[in-house]
PDB file of N, CA and C in Angstrom:
ATOM      1  N   MET A   1    -105.695 -85.687 228.856  1.00  0.00           N
ATOM      2  CA  MET A   1    -104.602 -86.425 228.209  1.00  0.00           C
ATOM      3  C   MET A   1    -104.173 -85.674 226.951  1.00  0.00           C
ATOM      4  N   LYS A   2    -102.874 -85.354 226.874  1.00  0.00           N
ATOM      5  CA  LYS A   2    -102.389 -84.492 225.809  1.00  0.00           C
ATOM      6  C   LYS A   2    -101.898 -85.259 224.585  1.00  0.00           C
ATOM      7  N   ILE A   3    -101.807 -86.594 224.709  1.00  0.00           N
ATOM      8  CA  ILE A   3    -101.280 -87.385 223.604  1.00  0.00           C
ATOM      9  C   ILE A   3    -102.237 -87.308 222.404  1.00  0.00           C
ATOM     10  N   MET A   4    -101.677 -86.945 221.255  1.00  0.00           N
ATOM     11  CA  MET A   4    -102.485 -86.885 220.043  1.00  0.00           C
ATOM     12  C   MET A   4    -101.888 -87.854 219.019  1.00  0.00           C
ATOM     13  N   LEU A   5    -102.749 -88.575 218.326  1.00  0.00           N
ATOM     14  CA  LEU A   5    -102.260 -89.461 217.271  1.00  0.00           C
ATOM     15  C   LEU A   5    -101.771 -88.632 216.095  1.00  0.00           C
ATOM     16  N   ARG A   6    -100.573 -88.900 215.651  1.00  0.00           N
ATOM     17  CA  ARG A   6    -100.062 -88.215 214.461  1.00  0.00           C
ATOM     18  C   ARG A   6    -100.562 -88.934 213.218  1.00  0.00           C
ATOM     19  N   GLU A   7    -100.707 -88.179 212.146  1.00  0.00           N
ATOM     20  CA  GLU A   7    -101.204 -88.778 210.910  1.00  0.00           C
ATOM     21  C   GLU A   7    -100.287 -89.899 210.417  1.00  0.00           C
ATOM     22  N   ASP A   8     -98.980 -89.762 210.649  1.00  0.00           N
ATOM     23  CA  ASP A   8     -98.059 -90.769 210.120  1.00  0.00           C
ATOM     24  C   ASP A   8     -98.181 -92.125 210.817  1.00  0.00           C
ATOM     25  N   TYR A   9     -98.848 -92.171 211.974  1.00  0.00           N
ATOM     26  CA  TYR A   9     -99.105 -93.469 212.588  1.00  0.00           C
ATOM     27  C   TYR A   9     -99.908 -94.360 211.632  1.00  0.00           C
ATOM     28  N   LYS A  10    -100.789 -93.733 210.877  1.00  0.00           N
ATOM     29  CA  LYS A  10    -101.675 -94.512 210.007  1.00  0.00           C
ATOM     30  C   LYS A  10    -100.916 -95.156 208.855  1.00  0.00           C
ATOM     31  N   THR A  11     -99.783 -94.585 208.480  1.00  0.00           N
ATOM     32  CA  THR A  11     -99.052 -95.105 207.331  1.00  0.00           C
ATOM     33  C   THR A  11     -97.848 -95.946 207.738  1.00  0.00           C
ATOM     34  N   GLU A  12     -97.459 -95.883 208.990  1.00  0.00           N
ATOM     35  CA  GLU A  12     -96.356 -96.726 209.446  1.00  0.00           C
ATOM     36  C   GLU A  12     -96.825 -98.167 209.562  1.00  0.00           C
ATOM     37  N   SER A  13     -95.891 -99.093 209.407  1.00  0.00           N
ATOM     38  CA  SER A  13     -96.252-100.503 209.468  1.00  0.00           C
ATOM     39  C   SER A  13     -96.196-100.996 210.914  1.00  0.00           C
ATOM     40  N   LYS A  14     -96.962-100.338 211.764  1.00  0.00           N
ATOM     41  CA  LYS A  14     -97.024-100.745 213.164  1.00  0.00           C
ATOM     42  C   LYS A  14     -98.389-101.341 213.446  1.00  0.00           C
ATOM     43  N   SER A  15     -98.406-102.264 214.377  1.00  0.00           N
ATOM     44  CA  SER A  15     -99.694-102.806 214.783  1.00  0.00           C
ATOM     45  C   SER A  15    -100.359-101.839 215.753  1.00  0.00           C
ATOM     46  N   ALA A  16    -101.649-101.969 215.914  1.00  0.00           N
ATOM     47  CA  ALA A  16    -102.378-101.113 216.839  1.00  0.00           C
ATOM     48  C   ALA A  16    -101.825-101.283 218.264  1.00  0.00           C
ATOM     49  N   ALA A  17    -101.424-102.495 218.614  1.00  0.00           N
ATOM     50  CA  ALA A  17    -100.889-102.750 219.941  1.00  0.00           C
ATOM     51  C   ALA A  17     -99.593-101.977 220.168  1.00  0.00           C
ATOM     52  N   GLU A  18     -98.731-101.936 219.149  1.00  0.00           N
ATOM     53  CA  GLU A  18     -97.477-101.198 219.280  1.00  0.00           C
ATOM     54  C   GLU A  18     -97.750 -99.709 219.455  1.00  0.00           C
ATOM     55  N   ILE A  19     -98.701 -99.186 218.681  1.00  0.00           N
ATOM     56  CA  ILE A  19     -99.046 -97.767 218.780  1.00  0.00           C
ATOM     57  C   ILE A  19     -99.603 -97.466 220.167  1.00  0.00           C
ATOM     58  N   ARG A  20    -100.486 -98.318 220.662  1.00  0.00           N
ATOM     59  CA  ARG A  20    -101.038 -98.121 222.008  1.00  0.00           C
ATOM     60  C   ARG A  20     -99.939 -98.127 223.049  1.00  0.00           C
ATOM     61  N   ALA A  21     -98.993 -99.051 222.927  1.00  0.00           N
ATOM     62  CA  ALA A  21     -97.892 -99.135 223.881  1.00  0.00           C
ATOM     63  C   ALA A  21     -97.086 -97.840 223.884  1.00  0.00           C
ATOM     64  N   GLU A  22     -96.822 -97.287 222.707  1.00  0.00           N
ATOM     65  CA  GLU A  22     -96.074 -96.035 222.630  1.00  0.00           C
ATOM     66  C   GLU A  22     -96.840 -94.900 223.286  1.00  0.00           C
ATOM     67  N   ILE A  23     -98.153 -94.864 223.089  1.00  0.00           N
ATOM     68  CA  ILE A  23     -98.981 -93.818 223.685  1.00  0.00           C
ATOM     69  C   ILE A  23     -98.951 -93.938 225.205  1.00  0.00           C
ATOM     70  N   VAL A  24     -99.073 -95.151 225.712  1.00  0.00           N
ATOM     71  CA  VAL A  24     -99.049 -95.369 227.156  1.00  0.00           C
ATOM     72  C   VAL A  24     -97.717 -94.930 227.741  1.00  0.00           C
ATOM     73  N   VAL A  25     -96.612 -95.318 227.112  1.00  0.00           N
ATOM     74  CA  VAL A  25     -95.282 -94.934 227.593  1.00  0.00           C
ATOM     75  C   VAL A  25     -95.130 -93.414 227.594  1.00  0.00           C
ATOM     76  N   ALA A  26     -95.555 -92.780 226.506  1.00  0.00           N
ATOM     77  CA  ALA A  26     -95.450 -91.322 226.422  1.00  0.00           C
ATOM     78  C   ALA A  26     -96.288 -90.664 227.508  1.00  0.00           C
ATOM     79  N   TYR A  27     -97.471 -91.203 227.750  1.00  0.00           N
ATOM     80  CA  TYR A  27     -98.342 -90.641 228.787  1.00  0.00           C
ATOM     81  C   TYR A  27     -97.709 -90.791 230.164  1.00  0.00           C
ATOM     82  N   LEU A  28     -97.155 -91.965 230.428  1.00  0.00           N
ATOM     83  CA  LEU A  28     -96.546 -92.212 231.731  1.00  0.00           C
ATOM     84  C   LEU A  28     -95.323 -91.332 231.951  1.00  0.00           C
ATOM     85  N   GLN A  29     -94.638 -90.956 230.870  1.00  0.00           N
ATOM     86  CA  GLN A  29     -93.443 -90.134 230.990  1.00  0.00           C
ATOM     87  C   GLN A  29     -93.777 -88.651 231.183  1.00  0.00           C
ATOM     88  N   GLU A  30     -95.032 -88.268 230.909  1.00  0.00           N
ATOM     89  CA  GLU A  30     -95.437 -86.882 231.100  1.00  0.00           C
ATOM     90  C   GLU A  30     -95.603 -86.579 232.580  1.00  0.00           C
ATOM     91  N   ASP A  31     -95.483 -85.307 232.903  1.00  0.00           N
ATOM     92  CA  ASP A  31     -95.806 -84.866 234.256  1.00  0.00           C
ATOM     93  C   ASP A  31     -97.311 -84.723 234.344  1.00  0.00           C
ATOM     94  N   HIS A  32     -97.914 -85.475 235.250  1.00  0.00           N
ATOM     95  CA  HIS A  32     -99.356 -85.358 235.424  1.00  0.00           C
ATOM     96  C   HIS A  32     -99.737 -85.767 236.832  1.00  0.00           C
ATOM     97  N   GLU A  33    -100.855 -85.248 237.273  1.00  0.00           N
ATOM     98  CA  GLU A  33    -101.362 -85.555 238.603  1.00  0.00           C
ATOM     99  C   GLU A  33    -102.648 -86.346 238.455  1.00  0.00           C
ATOM    100  N   ASP A  34    -102.805 -87.362 239.310  1.00  0.00           N
ATOM    101  CA  ASP A  34    -104.060 -88.112 239.272  1.00  0.00           C
ATOM    102  C   ASP A  34    -105.108 -87.399 240.107  1.00  0.00           C
TER     103      ASP A  34
END
């Protein structure tokens, strides 16, 4: 999995759930094979 947390995630006023959702969406949009 190539998704890396950026440092600015820690300072944005997002909940952990929102950050997880963004990571999942980004992962699903990547080209990958199961």
